[in-house]
Protein backbone atom coordinates (compact mmCIF):
# COMPACT_ATOMS: atom_id res chain seq x y z
CA UNK A 1 0.00 0.00 0.00
CA UNK A 2 1.49 3.35 -1.06
CA UNK A 3 1.28 6.76 0.53
CA UNK A 4 -1.56 7.85 -1.74
CA UNK A 5 -3.53 4.62 -1.40
CA UNK A 6 -4.54 5.32 2.22
CA UNK A 7 -8.14 6.08 3.04
CA UNK A 8 -8.43 9.71 4.14
CA UNK A 9 -9.90 10.15 7.60
CA UNK A 10 -11.83 13.36 8.06
CA UNK A 11 -11.66 15.12 11.42
CA UNK A 12 -14.77 14.91 13.59
CA UNK A 13 -16.05 18.37 14.56
CA UNK A 14 -19.44 17.17 15.80
CA UNK A 15 -18.73 18.31 19.36
CA UNK A 16 -17.68 21.84 18.38
CA UNK A 17 -20.10 24.60 19.33
CA UNK A 18 -20.28 28.06 17.83
CA UNK A 19 -19.59 31.15 19.86
CA UNK A 20 -16.56 32.97 21.09
CA UNK A 21 -14.36 32.75 24.06
CA UNK A 22 -11.44 34.73 25.34
CA UNK A 23 -9.10 34.84 28.28
CA UNK A 24 -9.39 38.63 28.32
CA UNK A 25 -12.01 39.77 30.83
CA UNK A 26 -14.99 41.60 29.40
CA UNK A 27 -14.47 45.33 29.29
CA UNK A 28 -17.32 47.61 30.15
CA UNK A 29 -18.32 50.28 27.67
CA UNK A 30 -17.69 52.93 30.31
CA UNK A 31 -14.54 52.72 32.37
CA UNK A 32 -14.94 52.85 36.12
CA UNK A 33 -14.38 56.05 38.03
CA UNK A 34 -10.68 55.27 38.38
CA UNK A 35 -8.37 56.93 40.82
CA UNK A 36 -6.02 59.85 40.85
CA UNK A 37 -2.25 59.95 40.60
CA UNK A 38 0.06 62.88 41.28
CA UNK A 39 3.02 63.03 38.89
CA UNK A 40 6.44 62.65 40.49
CA UNK A 41 9.77 63.94 39.16
CA UNK A 42 10.94 61.68 36.32
CA UNK A 43 7.52 60.15 35.59
CA UNK A 44 6.31 59.55 32.04
CA UNK A 45 2.85 58.54 30.87
CA UNK A 46 4.32 55.19 29.80
CA UNK A 47 5.75 54.54 33.26
CA UNK A 48 2.47 55.47 34.92
CA UNK A 49 0.55 53.19 32.51
CA UNK A 50 2.97 50.33 33.22
CA UNK A 51 2.39 50.79 36.95
CA UNK A 52 -1.42 50.87 36.83
CA UNK A 53 -2.22 48.72 33.79
CA UNK A 54 0.84 46.50 33.49
CA UNK A 55 1.50 47.80 29.97
CA UNK A 56 3.40 50.95 29.00
CA UNK A 57 1.56 50.98 25.68
CA UNK A 58 -1.67 51.98 27.48
CA UNK A 59 -0.33 55.51 28.13
CA UNK A 60 -2.94 56.85 25.70
CA UNK A 61 -5.76 55.81 28.08
CA UNK A 62 -4.34 58.17 30.69
CA UNK A 63 -3.71 60.86 28.09
CA UNK A 64 -7.27 60.73 26.73
CA UNK A 65 -8.76 60.90 30.23
CA UNK A 66 -6.68 63.98 31.04
CA UNK A 67 -6.55 65.90 27.75
CA UNK A 68 -7.63 69.05 29.52
CA UNK A 69 -4.46 68.86 31.68
CA UNK A 70 -1.98 67.39 29.20
CA UNK A 71 -1.18 69.63 26.25
CA UNK A 72 1.74 67.45 25.03
CA UNK A 73 1.91 63.79 26.16
CA UNK A 74 5.72 64.03 26.17
CA UNK A 75 5.61 66.88 28.67
CA UNK A 76 4.05 66.14 32.04
CA UNK A 77 5.12 67.90 35.21
CA UNK A 78 5.57 66.97 38.87
CA UNK A 79 2.55 67.99 40.88
CA UNK A 80 0.00 67.42 38.12
CA UNK A 81 -2.81 65.14 39.27
CA UNK A 82 -4.26 62.80 36.66
CA UNK A 83 -7.29 60.56 36.66
CA UNK A 84 -6.35 56.93 36.01
CA UNK A 85 -9.51 55.43 34.48
CA UNK A 86 -10.69 51.90 35.17
CA UNK A 87 -8.39 51.21 38.11
C-alpha atoms as a PDB file:
ATOM      1  CA  UNK A   1       0.000   0.000   0.000  1.00  0.00           C
ATOM      2  CA  UNK A   2       1.490   3.346  -1.057  1.00  0.00           C
ATOM      3  CA  UNK A   3       1.283   6.762   0.529  1.00  0.00           C
ATOM      4  CA  UNK A   4      -1.559   7.848  -1.743  1.00  0.00           C
ATOM      5  CA  UNK A   5      -3.535   4.622  -1.398  1.00  0.00           C
ATOM      6  CA  UNK A   6      -4.541   5.320   2.218  1.00  0.00           C
ATOM      7  CA  UNK A   7      -8.137   6.082   3.041  1.00  0.00           C
ATOM      8  CA  UNK A   8      -8.429   9.708   4.141  1.00  0.00           C
ATOM      9  CA  UNK A   9      -9.899  10.147   7.603  1.00  0.00           C
ATOM     10  CA  UNK A  10     -11.832  13.357   8.059  1.00  0.00           C
ATOM     11  CA  UNK A  11     -11.658  15.121  11.417  1.00  0.00           C
ATOM     12  CA  UNK A  12     -14.767  14.912  13.591  1.00  0.00           C
ATOM     13  CA  UNK A  13     -16.054  18.375  14.559  1.00  0.00           C
ATOM     14  CA  UNK A  14     -19.440  17.169  15.803  1.00  0.00           C
ATOM     15  CA  UNK A  15     -18.728  18.313  19.363  1.00  0.00           C
ATOM     16  CA  UNK A  16     -17.681  21.844  18.378  1.00  0.00           C
ATOM     17  CA  UNK A  17     -20.103  24.603  19.329  1.00  0.00           C
ATOM     18  CA  UNK A  18     -20.277  28.062  17.829  1.00  0.00           C
ATOM     19  CA  UNK A  19     -19.595  31.152  19.863  1.00  0.00           C
ATOM     20  CA  UNK A  20     -16.564  32.971  21.087  1.00  0.00           C
ATOM     21  CA  UNK A  21     -14.362  32.751  24.058  1.00  0.00           C
ATOM     22  CA  UNK A  22     -11.444  34.729  25.345  1.00  0.00           C
ATOM     23  CA  UNK A  23      -9.101  34.843  28.277  1.00  0.00           C
ATOM     24  CA  UNK A  24      -9.389  38.631  28.323  1.00  0.00           C
ATOM     25  CA  UNK A  25     -12.007  39.770  30.834  1.00  0.00           C
ATOM     26  CA  UNK A  26     -14.989  41.595  29.401  1.00  0.00           C
ATOM     27  CA  UNK A  27     -14.475  45.331  29.295  1.00  0.00           C
ATOM     28  CA  UNK A  28     -17.318  47.607  30.148  1.00  0.00           C
ATOM     29  CA  UNK A  29     -18.316  50.275  27.668  1.00  0.00           C
ATOM     30  CA  UNK A  30     -17.693  52.928  30.309  1.00  0.00           C
ATOM     31  CA  UNK A  31     -14.536  52.717  32.368  1.00  0.00           C
ATOM     32  CA  UNK A  32     -14.937  52.853  36.119  1.00  0.00           C
ATOM     33  CA  UNK A  33     -14.375  56.050  38.030  1.00  0.00           C
ATOM     34  CA  UNK A  34     -10.685  55.268  38.379  1.00  0.00           C
ATOM     35  CA  UNK A  35      -8.370  56.926  40.819  1.00  0.00           C
ATOM     36  CA  UNK A  36      -6.017  59.851  40.851  1.00  0.00           C
ATOM     37  CA  UNK A  37      -2.249  59.950  40.602  1.00  0.00           C
ATOM     38  CA  UNK A  38       0.063  62.882  41.276  1.00  0.00           C
ATOM     39  CA  UNK A  39       3.020  63.030  38.894  1.00  0.00           C
ATOM     40  CA  UNK A  40       6.445  62.653  40.493  1.00  0.00           C
ATOM     41  CA  UNK A  41       9.771  63.936  39.156  1.00  0.00           C
ATOM     42  CA  UNK A  42      10.942  61.684  36.316  1.00  0.00           C
ATOM     43  CA  UNK A  43       7.522  60.150  35.588  1.00  0.00           C
ATOM     44  CA  UNK A  44       6.307  59.547  32.042  1.00  0.00           C
ATOM     45  CA  UNK A  45       2.847  58.545  30.867  1.00  0.00           C
ATOM     46  CA  UNK A  46       4.315  55.191  29.798  1.00  0.00           C
ATOM     47  CA  UNK A  47       5.747  54.542  33.257  1.00  0.00           C
ATOM     48  CA  UNK A  48       2.469  55.474  34.921  1.00  0.00           C
ATOM     49  CA  UNK A  49       0.548  53.192  32.506  1.00  0.00           C
ATOM     50  CA  UNK A  50       2.972  50.332  33.222  1.00  0.00           C
ATOM     51  CA  UNK A  51       2.393  50.791  36.950  1.00  0.00           C
ATOM     52  CA  UNK A  52      -1.415  50.874  36.825  1.00  0.00           C
ATOM     53  CA  UNK A  53      -2.225  48.720  33.790  1.00  0.00           C
ATOM     54  CA  UNK A  54       0.841  46.495  33.487  1.00  0.00           C
ATOM     55  CA  UNK A  55       1.500  47.804  29.973  1.00  0.00           C
ATOM     56  CA  UNK A  56       3.401  50.946  29.001  1.00  0.00           C
ATOM     57  CA  UNK A  57       1.561  50.982  25.680  1.00  0.00           C
ATOM     58  CA  UNK A  58      -1.669  51.982  27.479  1.00  0.00           C
ATOM     59  CA  UNK A  59      -0.334  55.505  28.128  1.00  0.00           C
ATOM     60  CA  UNK A  60      -2.936  56.850  25.698  1.00  0.00           C
ATOM     61  CA  UNK A  61      -5.764  55.807  28.082  1.00  0.00           C
ATOM     62  CA  UNK A  62      -4.343  58.171  30.688  1.00  0.00           C
ATOM     63  CA  UNK A  63      -3.707  60.859  28.090  1.00  0.00           C
ATOM     64  CA  UNK A  64      -7.268  60.730  26.727  1.00  0.00           C
ATOM     65  CA  UNK A  65      -8.760  60.901  30.230  1.00  0.00           C
ATOM     66  CA  UNK A  66      -6.678  63.984  31.041  1.00  0.00           C
ATOM     67  CA  UNK A  67      -6.546  65.895  27.747  1.00  0.00           C
ATOM     68  CA  UNK A  68      -7.627  69.054  29.519  1.00  0.00           C
ATOM     69  CA  UNK A  69      -4.464  68.861  31.683  1.00  0.00           C
ATOM     70  CA  UNK A  70      -1.984  67.395  29.196  1.00  0.00           C
ATOM     71  CA  UNK A  71      -1.178  69.629  26.249  1.00  0.00           C
ATOM     72  CA  UNK A  72       1.736  67.449  25.033  1.00  0.00           C
ATOM     73  CA  UNK A  73       1.912  63.787  26.159  1.00  0.00           C
ATOM     74  CA  UNK A  74       5.723  64.027  26.165  1.00  0.00           C
ATOM     75  CA  UNK A  75       5.609  66.884  28.674  1.00  0.00           C
ATOM     76  CA  UNK A  76       4.052  66.138  32.037  1.00  0.00           C
ATOM     77  CA  UNK A  77       5.115  67.896  35.212  1.00  0.00           C
ATOM     78  CA  UNK A  78       5.568  66.975  38.867  1.00  0.00           C
ATOM     79  CA  UNK A  79       2.549  67.995  40.884  1.00  0.00           C
ATOM     80  CA  UNK A  80       0.000  67.423  38.115  1.00  0.00           C
ATOM     81  CA  UNK A  81      -2.810  65.141  39.268  1.00  0.00           C
ATOM     82  CA  UNK A  82      -4.264  62.798  36.657  1.00  0.00           C
ATOM     83  CA  UNK A  83      -7.289  60.564  36.659  1.00  0.00           C
ATOM     84  CA  UNK A  84      -6.354  56.930  36.008  1.00  0.00           C
ATOM     85  CA  UNK A  85      -9.506  55.425  34.476  1.00  0.00           C
ATOM     86  CA  UNK A  86     -10.687  51.902  35.165  1.00  0.00           C
ATOM     87  CA  UNK A  87      -8.391  51.213  38.111  1.00  0.00           C
END
